[in-house]
Protein backbone atom coordinates (compact mmCIF):
# COMPACT_ATOMS: atom_id res chain seq x y z
CA MET A 1 -32.93 85.91 39.39
CA VAL A 2 -29.34 86.35 40.80
CA VAL A 3 -30.23 89.73 42.29
CA VAL A 4 -33.16 88.20 43.90
CA ARG A 5 -31.69 85.20 45.10
CA TYR A 6 -29.43 87.49 46.30
CA ALA A 7 -31.63 89.49 48.65
CA HIS A 8 -33.52 86.79 49.87
CA ALA A 9 -30.78 85.84 51.23
CA VAL A 10 -29.08 88.52 52.99
CA ALA A 11 -32.44 89.42 54.31
CA ALA A 12 -32.90 86.12 56.03
CA ILE A 13 -29.35 86.28 57.21
CA ALA A 14 -30.37 90.04 58.79
CA TRP A 15 -33.32 88.47 60.38
CA ILE A 16 -31.65 85.61 61.61
CA GLY A 17 -28.48 87.28 62.59
CA GLY A 18 -30.26 89.77 64.83
CA SER A 19 -32.24 87.55 66.19
CA ILE A 20 -29.07 85.42 67.09
CA PHE A 21 -27.32 88.33 68.65
CA HIS A 22 -30.69 89.61 70.63
CA ALA A 23 -30.98 86.02 72.03
CA LEU A 24 -27.36 85.43 72.91
CA ILE A 25 -26.01 89.11 73.80
CA LEU A 26 -28.49 91.70 73.96
CA ARG A 27 -31.20 89.92 76.10
CA PRO A 28 -28.45 88.46 78.41
CA LEU A 29 -27.41 91.74 79.37
CA THR A 30 -30.57 93.47 79.74
CA VAL A 31 -31.05 91.02 82.38
CA ALA A 32 -27.69 90.93 84.09
CA HIS A 33 -27.71 95.23 84.13
CA PRO A 34 -31.24 96.72 83.14
CA ASP A 35 -30.20 100.06 84.14
CA LYS A 36 -27.35 100.27 81.88
CA MET A 37 -29.12 98.92 78.98
CA GLY A 38 -32.27 100.20 79.52
CA GLN A 39 -30.66 103.33 77.28
CA ALA A 40 -28.81 101.57 75.05
CA MET A 41 -31.73 98.98 74.05
CA SER A 42 -34.29 102.38 73.75
CA LEU A 43 -31.70 103.38 71.18
CA ILE A 44 -30.59 100.10 69.80
CA GLY A 45 -34.77 99.20 69.39
CA PRO A 46 -35.79 100.74 66.67
CA ALA A 47 -32.93 100.38 64.84
CA TYR A 48 -33.48 96.94 64.90
CA ARG A 49 -36.94 96.77 64.64
CA GLU A 50 -36.73 99.11 60.65
CA ILE A 51 -34.13 96.64 59.27
CA ILE A 52 -36.39 93.78 60.38
CA ASP A 53 -39.16 95.66 59.06
CA ILE A 54 -37.05 95.92 55.83
CA ALA A 55 -35.95 91.90 55.97
CA VAL A 56 -39.86 90.52 56.16
CA VAL A 57 -41.14 92.90 52.80
CA THR A 58 -37.58 91.34 51.36
CA LEU A 59 -38.26 88.41 52.05
CA VAL A 60 -42.40 88.03 51.30
CA VAL A 61 -41.27 89.93 48.10
CA SER A 62 -38.52 87.97 47.01
CA GLY A 63 -39.88 84.54 47.97
CA LEU A 64 -43.23 85.16 45.85
CA ILE A 65 -40.54 85.87 42.66
CA LEU A 66 -38.82 83.05 43.70
CA MET A 67 -41.66 81.06 44.33
CA PHE A 68 -43.23 81.44 40.81
CA SER A 69 -40.41 81.33 38.76
CA ARG A 70 -39.61 78.11 40.40
CA ILE A 71 -43.23 76.83 39.94
CA GLN A 72 -42.90 77.49 36.04
CA GLY A 73 -40.00 75.59 35.21
CA ASN A 74 -39.84 71.65 35.20
CA GLU A 75 -37.89 71.47 38.94
CA ALA A 76 -40.28 72.00 41.21
CA THR A 77 -41.54 68.44 42.26
CA VAL A 78 -44.32 67.55 44.47
CA ALA A 79 -41.41 67.00 47.59
CA TRP A 80 -39.90 70.90 46.53
CA ALA A 81 -43.70 71.73 46.64
CA ILE A 82 -44.23 70.11 50.22
CA VAL A 83 -41.18 71.66 51.48
CA LEU A 84 -42.06 74.81 50.04
CA ALA A 85 -45.53 74.56 52.17
CA VAL A 86 -43.40 73.68 55.11
CA LYS A 87 -41.22 76.96 54.69
CA ILE A 88 -44.31 78.64 53.44
CA THR A 89 -46.15 77.78 56.97
CA LEU A 90 -43.68 78.72 59.33
CA ALA A 91 -42.43 81.68 57.94
CA LEU A 92 -46.26 82.67 58.66
CA VAL A 93 -46.12 81.92 62.06
CA MET A 94 -43.06 83.50 62.74
CA PHE A 95 -43.98 86.86 61.19
CA PHE A 96 -47.45 86.29 63.55
CA LEU A 97 -45.17 86.32 66.71
CA VAL A 98 -43.07 88.84 66.09
CA TRP A 99 -46.52 90.74 65.03
CA ARG A 100 -48.21 89.34 68.40
CA ARG A 101 -44.63 90.86 70.13
CA ARG A 102 -45.20 93.95 68.63
CA ARG A 103 -48.63 93.90 70.02
CA SER A 104 -48.11 93.63 73.36
CA SER A 105 -46.62 95.77 75.45
CA SER A 106 -43.19 95.59 77.67
CA SER A 107 -45.04 95.30 80.55
CA GLU A 108 -47.01 92.16 79.58
CA ALA A 109 -43.85 90.67 77.61
CA ALA A 110 -41.56 90.90 80.98
CA THR A 111 -44.67 89.00 83.19
CA THR A 112 -45.86 85.89 80.69
CA GLY A 113 -42.62 84.36 81.84
CA PHE A 114 -42.39 80.81 80.26
CA ALA A 115 -44.87 81.30 77.72
CA SER A 116 -42.89 84.09 76.48
CA LYS A 117 -40.06 82.65 76.67
CA LEU A 118 -41.17 79.84 74.41
CA LEU A 119 -43.39 81.87 72.28
CA GLY A 120 -41.20 84.83 72.03
CA TYR A 121 -37.40 85.83 70.50
CA ASN A 122 -36.99 81.53 71.13
CA ALA A 123 -38.95 80.76 69.00
CA VAL A 124 -38.58 82.99 66.29
CA LEU A 125 -35.24 82.17 66.39
CA PHE A 126 -35.62 78.95 66.10
CA LEU A 127 -37.81 79.08 62.98
CA GLY A 128 -35.74 80.95 61.66
CA LEU A 129 -32.96 78.21 61.85
CA VAL A 130 -35.70 75.66 60.65
CA ILE A 131 -36.57 77.84 57.73
CA PHE A 132 -33.31 78.99 57.04
CA LEU A 133 -32.31 74.46 56.99
CA LEU A 134 -35.68 74.08 54.44
CA ALA A 135 -34.23 76.87 52.07
CA SER A 136 -31.37 74.44 52.02
CA ILE A 137 -33.65 71.65 51.73
CA LEU A 138 -35.34 73.58 48.62
CA GLY A 139 -32.01 74.22 47.03
CA GLU A 140 -30.83 70.26 47.06
CA LEU A 141 -34.19 69.42 45.42
CA VAL A 142 -33.62 71.93 42.66
CA GLU A 143 -30.46 70.69 42.12
CA ALA A 144 -31.23 66.82 41.88
CA SER A 145 -34.17 67.56 40.10
CA LEU A 146 -32.17 68.74 36.84
CA LYS A 147 -29.75 66.02 37.55
C-alpha cells in the first residue's frame, strides 16, 4: 500500500506541478513572445500531454485501490466518505475539463476569452489544489479515527 500511496501522490504532484508551471511560466511567455514560444510549445505540448495521461491513469487506478482498502477498514467514517465523495466529484470535473479542452481546437480555445480562462487551465489548477487539500483532510480523518 505504501507504493500505491506513493504512486498516487507522485501522479498528483506531477499534474498539479505541471499545471502550475504551465499557468505561471509557459502561458505568460507564450502571450508575451508568441513567435518564439510557438515552436517550443509544439515540442512541449505532446510531452506534457503524455505526462498528464500517465498521471490520470495512475491517479484513477491507485485511487480506486486506496478507496477500496480504506472502505474495508474501520477508519472509513461518514465524514471520510463525504470528503472522499467531494474529492472524487471534483476530480471527475477536472478530468472532464481536460478532456473537453483537448477536444476543442486551438483556435476555439484561443477565442473563447473569459470562459476559457474560467474553465480552462485555471480551473484545472484550482481544482487540483482543492483536491490536494481534500487528500490531506482525508489523511487527518483517518488518523483521527485511529486514536
